[in-house]
């Protein structure tokens, strides 16, 4: 018997029909958001470690310059303003937003999402609330997770503890955080980050229920 799938291997007396191929099941789109200082980056790193074979972390594009140690294509895709605008007008972004009070843009390229989903691999987006609204308009069944602090006071303590910003910048960041907290009801799941381990376990339970396979 030939191993060539294009040849007809139908038994005599049985009607010939194309081979039935099981289509690849599409991956899940996972959106994770939360105010600055809530611990999203730590959570994301651990999730990618735990789901390394089934979860792809989408790398965002931005117009801001790289910070020390950041690498293009690994931390972000660093685009000049003209290139970002060209790609935005061309419809290359799944979502994109300009940071309030600045000329800096961030966005998720469709090329970071669609191929993985079509290949059956789930994709994790770490984006803000405005970006989530844009994603939900196209993927209403996305699993959306909002990570929040126990209280606004605790979040302020965390941000002040960094000691990396002026008082003006810190107050602006806190105002944005308050706005995001007020919109947390947009998300299907809300996780309080009292401790990273507890938050991770809650999110793993969410992903497992969504049929994202753990490594």
C-alpha atoms as a PDB file:
ATOM      1  CA  UNK A   1       0.000   0.000   0.000  1.00  0.00           C
ATOM      2  CA  UNK A   2       1.306   3.412  -0.929  1.00  0.00           C
ATOM      3  CA  UNK A   3       2.068   5.949   1.796  1.00  0.00           C
ATOM      4  CA  UNK A   4       1.264   8.814  -0.573  1.00  0.00           C
ATOM      5  CA  UNK A   5      -1.801  10.571   0.901  1.00  0.00           C
ATOM      6  CA  UNK A   6      -2.807  11.817  -2.542  1.00  0.00           C
ATOM      7  CA  UNK A   7      -3.408   8.281  -3.824  1.00  0.00           C
ATOM      8  CA  UNK A   8      -6.801   6.586  -3.564  1.00  0.00           C
ATOM      9  CA  UNK A   9      -6.575   3.759  -1.031  1.00  0.00           C
ATOM     10  CA  UNK A  10     -10.345   3.194  -0.742  1.00  0.00           C
ATOM     11  CA  UNK A  11     -11.330  -0.458  -0.448  1.00  0.00           C
ATOM     12  CA  UNK A  12     -13.331  -1.980  -3.354  1.00  0.00           C
ATOM     13  CA  UNK A  13     -17.051  -1.474  -3.021  1.00  0.00           C
ATOM     14  CA  UNK A  14     -16.696   1.618  -0.860  1.00  0.00           C
ATOM     15  CA  UNK A  15     -17.235   5.128  -2.116  1.00  0.00           C
ATOM     16  CA  UNK A  16     -14.196   7.322  -2.469  1.00  0.00           C
ATOM     17  CA  UNK A  17     -14.072  10.442  -0.259  1.00  0.00           C
ATOM     18  CA  UNK A  18     -11.335  12.891   0.761  1.00  0.00           C
ATOM     19  CA  UNK A  19      -9.409  12.091   3.920  1.00  0.00           C
ATOM     20  CA  UNK A  20     -10.966  13.749   6.933  1.00  0.00           C
ATOM     21  CA  UNK A  21      -8.360  15.908   8.611  1.00  0.00           C
ATOM     22  CA  UNK A  22      -9.001  17.122  12.131  1.00  0.00           C
ATOM     23  CA  UNK A  23      -8.627  20.920  11.987  1.00  0.00           C
ATOM     24  CA  UNK A  24      -6.178  22.540  14.371  1.00  0.00           C
ATOM     25  CA  UNK A  25      -8.037  23.917  17.350  1.00  0.00           C
ATOM     26  CA  UNK A  26      -7.521  27.656  17.647  1.00  0.00           C
ATOM     27  CA  UNK A  27      -5.567  28.915  20.613  1.00  0.00           C
ATOM     28  CA  UNK A  28      -7.023  31.109  23.329  1.00  0.00           C
ATOM     29  CA  UNK A  29      -6.410  34.835  23.594  1.00  0.00           C
ATOM     30  CA  UNK A  30      -5.532  35.797  27.165  1.00  0.00           C
ATOM     31  CA  UNK A  31      -5.453  39.464  28.205  1.00  0.00           C
ATOM     32  CA  UNK A  32      -3.801  40.503  31.456  1.00  0.00           C
ATOM     33  CA  UNK A  33      -3.992  44.065  32.763  1.00  0.00           C
ATOM     34  CA  UNK A  34      -3.530  45.992  35.965  1.00  0.00           C
ATOM     35  CA  UNK A  35      -2.224  49.309  37.249  1.00  0.00           C
ATOM     36  CA  UNK A  36       1.472  50.090  37.219  1.00  0.00           C
ATOM     37  CA  UNK A  37       3.206  48.673  40.274  1.00  0.00           C
ATOM     38  CA  UNK A  38       0.774  45.811  40.852  1.00  0.00           C
ATOM     39  CA  UNK A  39       3.293  43.145  39.853  1.00  0.00           C
ATOM     40  CA  UNK A  40       2.169  42.220  36.330  1.00  0.00           C
ATOM     41  CA  UNK A  41       5.669  41.663  34.931  1.00  0.00           C
ATOM     42  CA  UNK A  42       6.569  39.172  37.662  1.00  0.00           C
ATOM     43  CA  UNK A  43       3.310  37.307  37.134  1.00  0.00           C
ATOM     44  CA  UNK A  44       3.764  37.211  33.360  1.00  0.00           C
ATOM     45  CA  UNK A  45       7.295  35.797  33.629  1.00  0.00           C
ATOM     46  CA  UNK A  46       6.115  32.995  35.884  1.00  0.00           C
ATOM     47  CA  UNK A  47       3.144  32.197  33.659  1.00  0.00           C
ATOM     48  CA  UNK A  48       5.352  31.903  30.600  1.00  0.00           C
ATOM     49  CA  UNK A  49       7.675  29.570  32.538  1.00  0.00           C
ATOM     50  CA  UNK A  50       4.736  27.404  33.613  1.00  0.00           C
ATOM     51  CA  UNK A  51       3.045  27.347  30.183  1.00  0.00           C
ATOM     52  CA  UNK A  52       6.142  27.523  27.984  1.00  0.00           C
ATOM     53  CA  UNK A  53       4.914  25.118  25.299  1.00  0.00           C
ATOM     54  CA  UNK A  54       1.301  26.307  25.074  1.00  0.00           C
ATOM     55  CA  UNK A  55       1.393  30.057  25.746  1.00  0.00           C
ATOM     56  CA  UNK A  56       3.051  32.680  23.563  1.00  0.00           C
ATOM     57  CA  UNK A  57       3.820  36.082  25.083  1.00  0.00           C
ATOM     58  CA  UNK A  58       3.030  38.814  22.594  1.00  0.00           C
ATOM     59  CA  UNK A  59       5.807  41.419  22.356  1.00  0.00           C
ATOM     60  CA  UNK A  60       4.439  44.950  22.183  1.00  0.00           C
ATOM     61  CA  UNK A  61       5.650  47.686  19.868  1.00  0.00           C
ATOM     62  CA  UNK A  62       6.442  51.163  21.177  1.00  0.00           C
ATOM     63  CA  UNK A  63       7.779  54.497  20.044  1.00  0.00           C
ATOM     64  CA  UNK A  64       9.720  55.142  23.242  1.00  0.00           C
ATOM     65  CA  UNK A  65      13.504  54.640  23.170  1.00  0.00           C
ATOM     66  CA  UNK A  66      14.987  51.470  24.679  1.00  0.00           C
ATOM     67  CA  UNK A  67      15.975  51.579  28.326  1.00  0.00           C
ATOM     68  CA  UNK A  68      19.369  50.230  29.423  1.00  0.00           C
ATOM     69  CA  UNK A  69      19.489  46.472  28.888  1.00  0.00           C
ATOM     70  CA  UNK A  70      16.380  46.293  26.686  1.00  0.00           C
ATOM     71  CA  UNK A  71      16.668  44.551  23.320  1.00  0.00           C
ATOM     72  CA  UNK A  72      14.631  45.083  20.194  1.00  0.00           C
ATOM     73  CA  UNK A  73      12.386  42.120  19.423  1.00  0.00           C
ATOM     74  CA  UNK A  74      12.801  40.676  22.913  1.00  0.00           C
ATOM     75  CA  UNK A  75      11.523  43.334  25.300  1.00  0.00           C
ATOM     76  CA  UNK A  76       9.686  45.446  22.719  1.00  0.00           C
ATOM     77  CA  UNK A  77       9.693  46.220  19.037  1.00  0.00           C
ATOM     78  CA  UNK A  78      11.136  49.724  19.090  1.00  0.00           C
ATOM     79  CA  UNK A  79       9.689  51.714  16.203  1.00  0.00           C
ATOM     80  CA  UNK A  80      10.213  55.328  15.255  1.00  0.00           C
ATOM     81  CA  UNK A  81       7.073  57.478  15.317  1.00  0.00           C
ATOM     82  CA  UNK A  82       6.847  57.518  11.517  1.00  0.00           C
ATOM     83  CA  UNK A  83       7.042  53.726  11.225  1.00  0.00           C
ATOM     84  CA  UNK A  84       4.518  53.211  14.012  1.00  0.00           C
ATOM     85  CA  UNK A  85       2.093  55.613  12.342  1.00  0.00           C
ATOM     86  CA  UNK A  86       2.583  53.948   8.957  1.00  0.00           C
ATOM     87  CA  UNK A  87       1.795  50.540  10.417  1.00  0.00           C
ATOM     88  CA  UNK A  88      -1.134  51.904  12.401  1.00  0.00           C
ATOM     89  CA  UNK A  89      -2.722  53.365   9.271  1.00  0.00           C
ATOM     90  CA  UNK A  90      -2.029  50.112   7.412  1.00  0.00           C
ATOM     91  CA  UNK A  91      -4.086  48.219   9.986  1.00  0.00           C
ATOM     92  CA  UNK A  92      -1.149  46.205  11.317  1.00  0.00           C
ATOM     93  CA  UNK A  93      -2.141  46.629  14.968  1.00  0.00           C
ATOM     94  CA  UNK A  94      -4.651  44.579  16.913  1.00  0.00           C
ATOM     95  CA  UNK A  95      -4.707  47.432  19.415  1.00  0.00           C
ATOM     96  CA  UNK A  96      -2.685  50.564  20.036  1.00  0.00           C
ATOM     97  CA  UNK A  97      -2.884  53.529  22.366  1.00  0.00           C
ATOM     98  CA  UNK A  98      -0.984  56.727  23.063  1.00  0.00           C
ATOM     99  CA  UNK A  99       0.151  57.159  26.639  1.00  0.00           C
ATOM    100  CA  UNK A 100      -1.827  59.884  28.370  1.00  0.00           C
ATOM    101  CA  UNK A 101       0.069  63.163  28.500  1.00  0.00           C
ATOM    102  CA  UNK A 102       2.863  62.096  26.147  1.00  0.00           C
ATOM    103  CA  UNK A 103       3.638  61.346  22.498  1.00  0.00           C
ATOM    104  CA  UNK A 104       4.595  57.731  23.233  1.00  0.00           C
ATOM    105  CA  UNK A 105       2.593  54.967  21.578  1.00  0.00           C
ATOM    106  CA  UNK A 106       2.287  51.296  22.500  1.00  0.00           C
ATOM    107  CA  UNK A 107       0.542  48.608  20.495  1.00  0.00           C
ATOM    108  CA  UNK A 108       0.113  44.916  19.732  1.00  0.00           C
ATOM    109  CA  UNK A 109       0.966  43.855  16.204  1.00  0.00           C
ATOM    110  CA  UNK A 110      -1.419  41.349  14.632  1.00  0.00           C
ATOM    111  CA  UNK A 111       1.643  39.395  13.495  1.00  0.00           C
ATOM    112  CA  UNK A 112       2.354  38.656  17.167  1.00  0.00           C
ATOM    113  CA  UNK A 113      -1.081  37.151  17.694  1.00  0.00           C
ATOM    114  CA  UNK A 114      -2.776  35.661  14.641  1.00  0.00           C
ATOM    115  CA  UNK A 115      -0.164  33.050  13.581  1.00  0.00           C
ATOM    116  CA  UNK A 116       0.036  31.536  17.072  1.00  0.00           C
ATOM    117  CA  UNK A 117      -3.741  31.405  17.488  1.00  0.00           C
ATOM    118  CA  UNK A 118      -4.147  29.742  14.095  1.00  0.00           C
ATOM    119  CA  UNK A 119      -1.475  27.194  15.036  1.00  0.00           C
ATOM    120  CA  UNK A 120      -3.433  26.278  18.167  1.00  0.00           C
ATOM    121  CA  UNK A 121      -1.172  28.084  20.619  1.00  0.00           C
ATOM    122  CA  UNK A 122      -2.652  30.496  23.134  1.00  0.00           C
ATOM    123  CA  UNK A 123      -1.390  34.081  23.268  1.00  0.00           C
ATOM    124  CA  UNK A 124      -0.898  36.276  26.340  1.00  0.00           C
ATOM    125  CA  UNK A 125      -1.237  40.039  25.986  1.00  0.00           C
ATOM    126  CA  UNK A 126      -0.079  42.344  28.763  1.00  0.00           C
ATOM    127  CA  UNK A 127      -1.899  45.539  27.839  1.00  0.00           C
ATOM    128  CA  UNK A 128      -3.837  48.403  29.429  1.00  0.00           C
ATOM    129  CA  UNK A 129      -7.572  48.930  29.762  1.00  0.00           C
ATOM    130  CA  UNK A 130      -7.931  50.973  26.573  1.00  0.00           C
ATOM    131  CA  UNK A 131      -6.134  48.269  24.619  1.00  0.00           C
ATOM    132  CA  UNK A 132      -8.360  45.611  26.162  1.00  0.00           C
ATOM    133  CA  UNK A 133     -11.469  47.409  24.926  1.00  0.00           C
ATOM    134  CA  UNK A 134     -10.053  47.352  21.405  1.00  0.00           C
ATOM    135  CA  UNK A 135      -9.195  43.650  21.654  1.00  0.00           C
ATOM    136  CA  UNK A 136     -12.648  42.739  22.974  1.00  0.00           C
ATOM    137  CA  UNK A 137     -14.272  44.449  19.992  1.00  0.00           C
ATOM    138  CA  UNK A 138     -12.536  41.844  17.815  1.00  0.00           C
ATOM    139  CA  UNK A 139     -12.197  38.921  20.242  1.00  0.00           C
ATOM    140  CA  UNK A 140     -15.235  39.137  22.536  1.00  0.00           C
ATOM    141  CA  UNK A 141     -14.503  35.675  23.963  1.00  0.00           C
ATOM    142  CA  UNK A 142     -10.971  36.525  25.085  1.00  0.00           C
ATOM    143  CA  UNK A 143     -10.134  35.529  28.649  1.00  0.00           C
ATOM    144  CA  UNK A 144      -9.546  38.875  30.374  1.00  0.00           C
ATOM    145  CA  UNK A 145      -7.799  39.069  33.745  1.00  0.00           C
ATOM    146  CA  UNK A 146      -7.352  42.206  35.818  1.00  0.00           C
ATOM    147  CA  UNK A 147      -4.666  42.108  38.526  1.00  0.00           C
ATOM    148  CA  UNK A 148      -5.326  44.576  41.328  1.00  0.00           C
ATOM    149  CA  UNK A 149      -3.784  45.540  44.661  1.00  0.00           C
ATOM    150  CA  UNK A 150      -5.505  44.987  47.977  1.00  0.00           C
ATOM    151  CA  UNK A 151      -6.066  48.757  48.172  1.00  0.00           C
ATOM    152  CA  UNK A 152      -5.132  51.994  46.431  1.00  0.00           C
ATOM    153  CA  UNK A 153      -3.043  52.884  49.478  1.00  0.00           C
ATOM    154  CA  UNK A 154      -0.967  49.736  49.109  1.00  0.00           C
ATOM    155  CA  UNK A 155      -0.400  50.495  45.429  1.00  0.00           C
ATOM    156  CA  UNK A 156       0.813  54.009  46.254  1.00  0.00           C
ATOM    157  CA  UNK A 157       3.204  52.553  48.836  1.00  0.00           C
ATOM    158  CA  UNK A 158       4.620  50.181  46.221  1.00  0.00           C
ATOM    159  CA  UNK A 159       5.094  52.950  43.665  1.00  0.00           C
ATOM    160  CA  UNK A 160       6.704  55.315  46.139  1.00  0.00           C
ATOM    161  CA  UNK A 161       8.972  52.503  47.244  1.00  0.00           C
ATOM    162  CA  UNK A 162      10.497  52.374  43.789  1.00  0.00           C
ATOM    163  CA  UNK A 163      11.940  55.858  44.219  1.00  0.00           C
ATOM    164  CA  UNK A 164      12.384  56.239  40.468  1.00  0.00           C
ATOM    165  CA  UNK A 165      10.010  59.106  39.637  1.00  0.00           C
ATOM    166  CA  UNK A 166       9.379  62.720  40.483  1.00  0.00           C
ATOM    167  CA  UNK A 167       6.358  63.564  42.617  1.00  0.00           C
ATOM    168  CA  UNK A 168       4.592  64.972  39.553  1.00  0.00           C
ATOM    169  CA  UNK A 169       5.170  61.776  37.544  1.00  0.00           C
ATOM    170  CA  UNK A 170       4.104  59.645  40.481  1.00  0.00           C
ATOM    171  CA  UNK A 171       0.851  61.556  40.958  1.00  0.00           C
ATOM    172  CA  UNK A 172       0.111  61.218  37.250  1.00  0.00           C
ATOM    173  CA  UNK A 173       0.744  57.459  37.427  1.00  0.00           C
ATOM    174  CA  UNK A 174      -1.538  57.163  40.471  1.00  0.00           C
ATOM    175  CA  UNK A 175      -4.309  59.028  38.662  1.00  0.00           C
ATOM    176  CA  UNK A 176      -4.067  56.606  35.726  1.00  0.00           C
ATOM    177  CA  UNK A 177      -4.067  53.665  38.162  1.00  0.00           C
ATOM    178  CA  UNK A 178      -7.236  54.946  39.843  1.00  0.00           C
ATOM    179  CA  UNK A 179      -8.948  55.235  36.470  1.00  0.00           C
ATOM    180  CA  UNK A 180      -7.939  51.662  35.594  1.00  0.00           C
ATOM    181  CA  UNK A 181      -9.192  50.327  38.930  1.00  0.00           C
ATOM    182  CA  UNK A 182     -12.555  51.967  38.281  1.00  0.00           C
ATOM    183  CA  UNK A 183     -12.796  50.081  34.972  1.00  0.00           C
ATOM    184  CA  UNK A 184     -11.885  46.653  36.360  1.00  0.00           C
ATOM    185  CA  UNK A 185     -15.465  45.441  35.871  1.00  0.00           C
ATOM    186  CA  UNK A 186     -14.671  45.260  32.143  1.00  0.00           C
ATOM    187  CA  UNK A 187     -12.709  42.076  32.867  1.00  0.00           C
ATOM    188  CA  UNK A 188     -14.063  38.561  33.180  1.00  0.00           C
ATOM    189  CA  UNK A 189     -11.686  37.724  36.034  1.00  0.00           C
ATOM    190  CA  UNK A 190     -10.209  39.861  38.826  1.00  0.00           C
ATOM    191  CA  UNK A 191      -7.237  38.697  40.873  1.00  0.00           C
ATOM    192  CA  UNK A 192      -5.974  40.494  43.978  1.00  0.00           C
ATOM    193  CA  UNK A 193      -2.182  40.308  44.160  1.00  0.00           C
ATOM    194  CA  UNK A 194      -1.694  39.924  47.901  1.00  0.00           C
ATOM    195  CA  UNK A 195       1.205  37.571  47.206  1.00  0.00           C
ATOM    196  CA  UNK A 196       2.619  36.589  43.832  1.00  0.00           C
ATOM    197  CA  UNK A 197       2.265  32.863  44.569  1.00  0.00           C
ATOM    198  CA  UNK A 198      -1.429  33.182  45.389  1.00  0.00           C
ATOM    199  CA  UNK A 199      -2.091  35.348  42.343  1.00  0.00           C
ATOM    200  CA  UNK A 200      -0.248  32.889  40.093  1.00  0.00           C
ATOM    201  CA  UNK A 201      -2.274  29.938  41.383  1.00  0.00           C
ATOM    202  CA  UNK A 202      -5.529  31.799  40.789  1.00  0.00           C
ATOM    203  CA  UNK A 203      -4.531  32.685  37.242  1.00  0.00           C
ATOM    204  CA  UNK A 204      -3.349  29.122  36.551  1.00  0.00           C
ATOM    205  CA  UNK A 205      -6.807  27.914  37.615  1.00  0.00           C
ATOM    206  CA  UNK A 206      -8.365  30.393  35.171  1.00  0.00           C
ATOM    207  CA  UNK A 207      -6.123  29.269  32.311  1.00  0.00           C
ATOM    208  CA  UNK A 208      -6.674  25.593  33.071  1.00  0.00           C
ATOM    209  CA  UNK A 209     -10.436  26.107  32.936  1.00  0.00           C
ATOM    210  CA  UNK A 210      -9.920  27.878  29.597  1.00  0.00           C
ATOM    211  CA  UNK A 211      -8.119  24.714  28.406  1.00  0.00           C
ATOM    212  CA  UNK A 212      -4.652  26.212  28.229  1.00  0.00           C
ATOM    213  CA  UNK A 213      -2.339  23.272  28.959  1.00  0.00           C
ATOM    214  CA  UNK A 214       0.271  23.727  31.672  1.00  0.00           C
ATOM    215  CA  UNK A 215       3.825  22.554  30.916  1.00  0.00           C
END
